[in-house]
């Protein structure tokens, strides 16, 4: 475990933030600790929460063969909601983990363990983000509203999962990909099997990218007694990543097949191109994987924004053919 217990830089920058991010360079000074608490200086998490929402919406449009102006609001509302709920989730996670984060070199500089934000201030900030998110959710249909409320269950459990299971990434996947179900329902008014397959594909994808991410902290995690798939898999991680890759692509393909059942052959071919191309991106990540190289691990983790955009592009094109 790293013995680095030095205090954060005076600027309050978080150790693994994106260099030159807008929070550290342009946000008003008084907002920065709270925006850092929400990981606004590390936008990849917002993307990873938002992309399943957009997948679900576009796949629902593809399956129904129609698009309305309200779908544009669903897309925008999901984007705002993803930013806010990712921030709320990170705030809740850091409240639960503040003692653990203080013992890990990579997380010591976060606002709560560093003292930049008080516990009371974090709870108030959590409430504000959830309140605005609820306002957006209430503009959707009742099915989507119900699913949005249910999503709080895996969100609430996730920060504690690493204390009782070697598979906390499953709980992260359950929470982060819920938007696939919600956005599908916001468009269609009900759930469908393509949305379920898409949700499961997203969970497999989360297991892939978050296992890569977790390898940054394996030594610290082992010493302080928290669990992860990275520790569980160890040297077998590449084999497990290959399994998650294949599962992701297969389930994406099943979702595309079911959604295009009543569409043209061209739509089917284009839709299937999404998981195929995404699979190649994940295969590149697997080739580059090095469990002992933290900069590479972080780079690969962040590259999943592009991986997730690939099927979205193909689904969108297929929906207009």
Protein backbone atom coordinates (compact mmCIF):
# COMPACT_ATOMS: atom_id res chain seq x y z
CA UNK A 1 0.00 0.00 0.00
CA UNK A 2 1.29 3.42 -0.85
CA UNK A 3 2.53 5.41 2.12
CA UNK A 4 1.82 8.72 0.46
CA UNK A 5 -0.14 10.63 3.06
CA UNK A 6 0.73 14.13 1.92
CA UNK A 7 -2.04 16.69 1.86
CA UNK A 8 -3.60 17.69 -1.49
CA UNK A 9 -2.27 20.55 -3.51
CA UNK A 10 -3.57 24.01 -2.49
CA UNK A 11 -5.67 24.15 -5.62
CA UNK A 12 -7.70 21.18 -4.37
CA UNK A 13 -7.21 19.27 -7.61
CA UNK A 14 -8.01 15.58 -7.42
CA UNK A 15 -5.15 13.23 -8.28
CA UNK A 16 -6.79 11.37 -11.19
CA UNK A 17 -8.70 14.30 -12.70
CA UNK A 18 -8.40 15.04 -16.41
CA UNK A 19 -5.64 17.56 -16.97
CA UNK A 20 -6.92 21.08 -17.73
CA UNK A 21 -10.55 20.12 -17.06
CA UNK A 22 -13.21 22.83 -16.92
CA UNK A 23 -13.81 22.48 -13.17
CA UNK A 24 -10.20 23.27 -12.28
CA UNK A 25 -9.81 26.00 -14.88
CA UNK A 26 -13.15 27.77 -15.41
CA UNK A 27 -15.70 26.91 -12.71
CA UNK A 28 -16.23 29.52 -9.97
CA UNK A 29 -13.88 28.85 -7.07
CA UNK A 30 -16.63 28.20 -4.51
CA UNK A 31 -18.26 25.52 -6.68
CA UNK A 32 -15.11 23.51 -7.34
CA UNK A 33 -15.08 21.26 -4.24
CA UNK A 34 -18.68 20.21 -4.88
CA UNK A 35 -18.15 19.68 -8.61
CA UNK A 36 -15.08 17.59 -7.80
CA UNK A 37 -17.19 15.60 -5.35
CA UNK A 38 -19.55 14.90 -8.27
CA UNK A 39 -16.58 13.90 -10.48
CA UNK A 40 -17.43 16.68 -12.93
CA UNK A 41 -13.68 16.98 -13.49
CA UNK A 42 -13.70 13.36 -14.72
CA UNK A 43 -16.48 13.22 -17.35
CA UNK A 44 -16.04 9.58 -18.37
CA UNK A 45 -18.46 8.43 -15.65
CA UNK A 46 -21.23 10.65 -17.02
CA UNK A 47 -20.69 9.15 -20.46
CA UNK A 48 -20.80 5.61 -19.10
CA UNK A 49 -24.12 6.37 -17.38
CA UNK A 50 -25.59 8.28 -20.33
CA UNK A 51 -24.73 5.92 -23.19
CA UNK A 52 -27.05 3.08 -22.06
CA UNK A 53 -29.88 5.65 -21.91
CA UNK A 54 -29.24 6.68 -25.49
CA UNK A 55 -28.89 3.05 -26.58
CA UNK A 56 -32.30 2.28 -25.08
CA UNK A 57 -33.94 5.30 -26.68
CA UNK A 58 -32.52 4.73 -30.15
CA UNK A 59 -33.19 0.99 -30.03
CA UNK A 60 -36.81 1.72 -29.02
CA UNK A 61 -37.11 4.09 -31.97
CA UNK A 62 -35.65 1.40 -34.21
CA UNK A 63 -38.10 -1.22 -32.93
CA UNK A 64 -41.17 1.02 -33.17
CA UNK A 65 -40.24 2.61 -36.47
CA UNK A 66 -41.19 6.07 -35.24
CA UNK A 67 -39.59 9.13 -33.68
CA UNK A 68 -41.25 12.17 -32.13
CA UNK A 69 -40.15 15.54 -30.85
CA UNK A 70 -40.57 14.20 -27.34
CA UNK A 71 -37.77 11.73 -28.08
CA UNK A 72 -35.48 14.73 -28.42
CA UNK A 73 -36.45 15.78 -24.90
CA UNK A 74 -35.87 12.22 -23.65
CA UNK A 75 -32.34 12.39 -25.08
CA UNK A 76 -31.67 15.82 -23.54
CA UNK A 77 -33.34 14.93 -20.24
CA UNK A 78 -31.27 11.76 -20.01
CA UNK A 79 -28.10 13.76 -20.63
CA UNK A 80 -28.88 16.25 -17.85
CA UNK A 81 -30.09 13.47 -15.59
CA UNK A 82 -26.97 11.38 -16.22
CA UNK A 83 -24.76 14.31 -15.22
CA UNK A 84 -26.77 14.92 -12.06
CA UNK A 85 -27.30 11.31 -11.02
CA UNK A 86 -23.71 10.37 -11.71
CA UNK A 87 -22.80 13.29 -9.45
CA UNK A 88 -25.29 12.15 -6.82
CA UNK A 89 -24.02 8.58 -7.04
CA UNK A 90 -20.41 9.70 -6.65
CA UNK A 91 -21.38 11.90 -3.69
CA UNK A 92 -23.12 8.96 -2.03
CA UNK A 93 -20.20 6.67 -2.84
CA UNK A 94 -17.69 9.09 -1.32
CA UNK A 95 -19.82 9.55 1.79
CA UNK A 96 -19.84 5.78 2.27
CA UNK A 97 -16.13 5.42 1.43
CA UNK A 98 -14.64 8.52 3.05
CA UNK A 99 -12.63 6.51 5.59
CA UNK A 100 -11.45 4.03 2.96
CA UNK A 101 -10.54 6.79 0.48
CA UNK A 102 -8.32 8.40 3.11
CA UNK A 103 -6.16 5.24 3.09
CA UNK A 104 -5.70 4.95 -0.69
CA UNK A 105 -3.08 7.11 -2.41
CA UNK A 106 -5.18 7.66 -5.55
CA UNK A 107 -8.25 8.83 -3.59
CA UNK A 108 -6.78 10.76 -0.66
CA UNK A 109 -7.19 14.04 -2.55
CA UNK A 110 -10.96 13.66 -3.03
CA UNK A 111 -13.02 16.43 -1.38
CA UNK A 112 -14.29 14.45 1.62
CA UNK A 113 -11.08 12.76 2.83
CA UNK A 114 -9.10 15.94 2.09
CA UNK A 115 -11.55 18.09 4.10
CA UNK A 116 -12.50 20.34 1.17
CA UNK A 117 -16.18 19.42 1.70
CA UNK A 118 -17.80 18.58 5.04
CA UNK A 119 -20.01 15.54 5.54
CA UNK A 120 -23.03 17.81 6.12
CA UNK A 121 -22.24 19.80 2.97
CA UNK A 122 -21.99 16.57 0.98
CA UNK A 123 -25.43 15.40 2.16
CA UNK A 124 -26.97 18.76 1.18
CA UNK A 125 -25.28 18.56 -2.22
CA UNK A 126 -26.56 15.00 -2.64
CA UNK A 127 -30.12 16.15 -1.93
CA UNK A 128 -29.95 19.02 -4.42
CA UNK A 129 -28.75 16.79 -7.25
CA UNK A 130 -31.43 14.20 -6.54
CA UNK A 131 -34.17 16.85 -6.38
CA UNK A 132 -33.35 18.31 -9.80
CA UNK A 133 -33.06 14.80 -11.26
CA UNK A 134 -36.51 13.95 -9.91
CA UNK A 135 -37.93 17.03 -11.61
CA UNK A 136 -36.63 15.77 -14.95
CA UNK A 137 -37.86 12.23 -14.33
CA UNK A 138 -41.40 13.48 -13.63
CA UNK A 139 -41.65 14.76 -17.24
CA UNK A 140 -41.56 11.14 -18.50
CA UNK A 141 -44.36 8.55 -18.52
CA UNK A 142 -45.32 6.56 -15.44
CA UNK A 143 -43.44 3.45 -16.48
CA UNK A 144 -40.20 5.41 -16.80
CA UNK A 145 -40.86 7.21 -13.51
CA UNK A 146 -41.32 3.91 -11.70
CA UNK A 147 -38.12 2.52 -13.18
CA UNK A 148 -36.29 5.69 -12.21
CA UNK A 149 -37.36 5.30 -8.59
CA UNK A 150 -36.36 1.61 -8.58
CA UNK A 151 -32.90 2.52 -9.88
CA UNK A 152 -32.12 3.99 -6.46
CA UNK A 153 -31.87 0.47 -5.02
CA UNK A 154 -28.70 -0.64 -6.86
CA UNK A 155 -27.31 2.90 -6.55
CA UNK A 156 -27.70 2.74 -2.77
CA UNK A 157 -26.18 -0.74 -2.48
CA UNK A 158 -23.17 -0.30 -4.76
CA UNK A 159 -20.80 1.61 -2.40
CA UNK A 160 -21.13 -1.20 0.17
CA UNK A 161 -20.84 -4.11 -2.29
CA UNK A 162 -17.05 -4.25 -2.17
CA UNK A 163 -17.31 -4.97 1.55
CA UNK A 164 -19.27 -8.23 1.10
CA UNK A 165 -18.63 -9.56 -2.43
CA UNK A 166 -15.75 -10.04 -4.85
CA UNK A 167 -18.16 -8.89 -7.59
CA UNK A 168 -19.00 -5.23 -6.77
CA UNK A 169 -18.74 -4.51 -10.51
CA UNK A 170 -22.02 -6.42 -10.96
CA UNK A 171 -23.79 -3.92 -8.71
CA UNK A 172 -22.15 -1.06 -10.61
CA UNK A 173 -23.43 -2.60 -13.85
CA UNK A 174 -26.94 -2.94 -12.46
CA UNK A 175 -26.93 0.76 -11.54
CA UNK A 176 -25.07 2.27 -14.50
CA UNK A 177 -27.05 0.51 -17.23
CA UNK A 178 -30.53 1.02 -15.78
CA UNK A 179 -31.00 3.89 -18.21
CA UNK A 180 -31.35 1.38 -21.06
CA UNK A 181 -34.61 0.19 -19.49
CA UNK A 182 -35.74 3.67 -18.48
CA UNK A 183 -35.18 5.36 -21.85
CA UNK A 184 -36.77 2.47 -23.77
CA UNK A 185 -39.84 2.80 -21.53
CA UNK A 186 -39.86 6.60 -21.84
CA UNK A 187 -40.28 6.16 -25.60
CA UNK A 188 -42.53 3.10 -25.73
CA UNK A 189 -44.47 3.24 -22.45
CA UNK A 190 -43.57 -0.36 -21.59
CA UNK A 191 -40.60 -2.68 -21.32
CA UNK A 192 -39.54 -5.06 -24.09
CA UNK A 193 -37.15 -7.97 -24.44
CA UNK A 194 -34.72 -5.99 -26.62
CA UNK A 195 -34.32 -3.54 -23.73
CA UNK A 196 -33.64 -6.40 -21.31
CA UNK A 197 -31.00 -7.87 -23.62
CA UNK A 198 -29.48 -4.42 -23.99
CA UNK A 199 -29.41 -4.00 -20.21
CA UNK A 200 -27.62 -7.32 -19.76
CA UNK A 201 -25.14 -6.39 -22.49
CA UNK A 202 -24.40 -3.18 -20.63
CA UNK A 203 -23.76 -5.08 -17.40
CA UNK A 204 -21.26 -7.34 -19.18
CA UNK A 205 -19.61 -4.24 -20.65
CA UNK A 206 -19.37 -2.68 -17.18
CA UNK A 207 -17.68 -5.82 -15.87
CA UNK A 208 -15.17 -5.45 -18.71
CA UNK A 209 -14.25 -1.80 -18.23
CA UNK A 210 -14.50 -1.61 -14.45
CA UNK A 211 -12.32 -4.69 -13.95
CA UNK A 212 -9.68 -2.84 -15.98
CA UNK A 213 -10.19 0.25 -13.82
CA UNK A 214 -10.05 -1.70 -10.54
CA UNK A 215 -6.57 -3.02 -11.33
CA UNK A 216 -5.22 0.43 -10.42
CA UNK A 217 -6.00 -0.17 -6.74
CA UNK A 218 -5.44 -3.90 -6.19
CA UNK A 219 -2.60 -3.50 -3.69
CA UNK A 220 -4.36 -0.83 -1.64
CA UNK A 221 -7.67 -2.70 -1.75
CA UNK A 222 -6.06 -5.93 -0.55
CA UNK A 223 -4.44 -4.20 2.41
CA UNK A 224 -7.55 -2.36 3.59
CA UNK A 225 -9.86 -5.33 3.04
CA UNK A 226 -12.15 -4.32 0.18
CA UNK A 227 -12.93 -6.61 -2.73
CA UNK A 228 -13.04 -6.36 -6.54
CA UNK A 229 -13.07 -8.55 -9.61
CA UNK A 230 -9.51 -7.36 -10.29
CA UNK A 231 -8.33 -9.03 -7.09
CA UNK A 232 -10.51 -12.09 -7.67
CA UNK A 233 -9.26 -12.70 -11.22
CA UNK A 234 -5.60 -11.78 -10.73
CA UNK A 235 -3.48 -13.25 -13.53
CA UNK A 236 -6.62 -14.74 -15.11
CA UNK A 237 -8.00 -11.26 -15.83
CA UNK A 238 -7.35 -11.38 -19.63
CA UNK A 239 -9.39 -14.59 -19.92
CA UNK A 240 -12.25 -13.05 -17.94
CA UNK A 241 -12.09 -9.86 -20.00
CA UNK A 242 -12.34 -11.97 -23.15
CA UNK A 243 -15.45 -13.65 -21.72
CA UNK A 244 -17.04 -10.30 -20.86
CA UNK A 245 -16.21 -9.03 -24.35
CA UNK A 246 -17.90 -11.98 -26.03
CA UNK A 247 -20.92 -11.73 -23.73
CA UNK A 248 -21.28 -8.01 -24.42
CA UNK A 249 -21.17 -8.45 -28.19
CA UNK A 250 -23.52 -11.45 -28.15
CA UNK A 251 -26.18 -9.75 -26.02
CA UNK A 252 -25.92 -6.55 -28.07
CA UNK A 253 -26.48 -8.69 -31.16
CA UNK A 254 -29.54 -10.34 -29.60
CA UNK A 255 -30.98 -6.91 -28.72
CA UNK A 256 -30.40 -5.69 -32.29
CA UNK A 257 -32.00 -8.82 -33.78
CA UNK A 258 -35.13 -8.52 -31.65
CA UNK A 259 -35.46 -4.77 -32.25
CA UNK A 260 -35.22 -5.13 -36.03
CA UNK A 261 -37.55 -8.14 -36.32
CA UNK A 262 -40.10 -6.09 -38.30
CA UNK A 263 -37.62 -3.82 -40.07
CA UNK A 264 -35.77 -4.25 -43.37
CA UNK A 265 -32.81 -6.54 -43.88
CA UNK A 266 -30.65 -3.45 -44.36
CA UNK A 267 -31.68 -2.13 -40.95
CA UNK A 268 -30.80 -5.48 -39.41
CA UNK A 269 -27.37 -5.57 -41.04
CA UNK A 270 -26.55 -2.01 -39.99
CA UNK A 271 -27.78 -2.59 -36.43
CA UNK A 272 -25.66 -5.74 -36.12
CA UNK A 273 -22.68 -3.74 -37.29
CA UNK A 274 -22.77 -1.84 -33.98
CA UNK A 275 -21.87 -4.72 -31.64
CA UNK A 276 -19.42 -6.08 -34.23
CA UNK A 277 -17.51 -2.78 -34.36
CA UNK A 278 -17.72 -2.34 -30.60
CA UNK A 279 -16.26 -5.80 -30.20
CA UNK A 280 -13.19 -4.78 -32.19
CA UNK A 281 -12.72 -1.77 -29.93
CA UNK A 282 -12.93 -3.96 -26.82
CA UNK A 283 -10.49 -6.41 -28.42
CA UNK A 284 -8.03 -3.54 -28.87
CA UNK A 285 -8.41 -2.71 -25.17
CA UNK A 286 -7.72 -6.33 -24.30
CA UNK A 287 -4.55 -6.36 -26.41
CA UNK A 288 -3.31 -3.20 -24.66
CA UNK A 289 -4.21 -4.37 -21.15
CA UNK A 290 -1.32 -4.33 -18.68
CA UNK A 291 -2.31 -4.90 -15.05
CA UNK A 292 0.88 -3.24 -13.79
CA UNK A 293 0.65 -0.03 -15.84
CA UNK A 294 -1.76 2.40 -14.16
CA UNK A 295 -1.60 5.10 -16.89
CA UNK A 296 -2.52 2.47 -19.51
CA UNK A 297 -5.34 1.15 -17.33
CA UNK A 298 -6.80 4.63 -16.93
CA UNK A 299 -6.44 5.33 -20.66
CA UNK A 300 -8.25 2.10 -21.54
CA UNK A 301 -11.01 2.79 -19.03
CA UNK A 302 -11.60 6.27 -20.46
CA UNK A 303 -11.62 4.90 -24.03
CA UNK A 304 -14.93 3.18 -23.26
CA UNK A 305 -16.74 6.42 -24.08
CA UNK A 306 -15.77 5.78 -27.70
CA UNK A 307 -16.57 2.08 -27.39
CA UNK A 308 -20.09 2.93 -26.21
CA UNK A 309 -20.66 5.52 -28.92
CA UNK A 310 -20.04 2.94 -31.66
CA UNK A 311 -23.27 0.89 -31.30
CA UNK A 312 -25.23 4.10 -30.71
CA UNK A 313 -24.12 5.40 -34.11
CA UNK A 314 -25.03 2.15 -35.88
CA UNK A 315 -28.43 1.91 -34.15
CA UNK A 316 -29.19 5.52 -35.05
CA UNK A 317 -28.38 4.95 -38.72
CA UNK A 318 -30.42 1.72 -38.76
CA UNK A 319 -33.45 3.49 -37.30
CA UNK A 320 -33.61 5.85 -40.29
CA UNK A 321 -33.18 3.20 -42.99
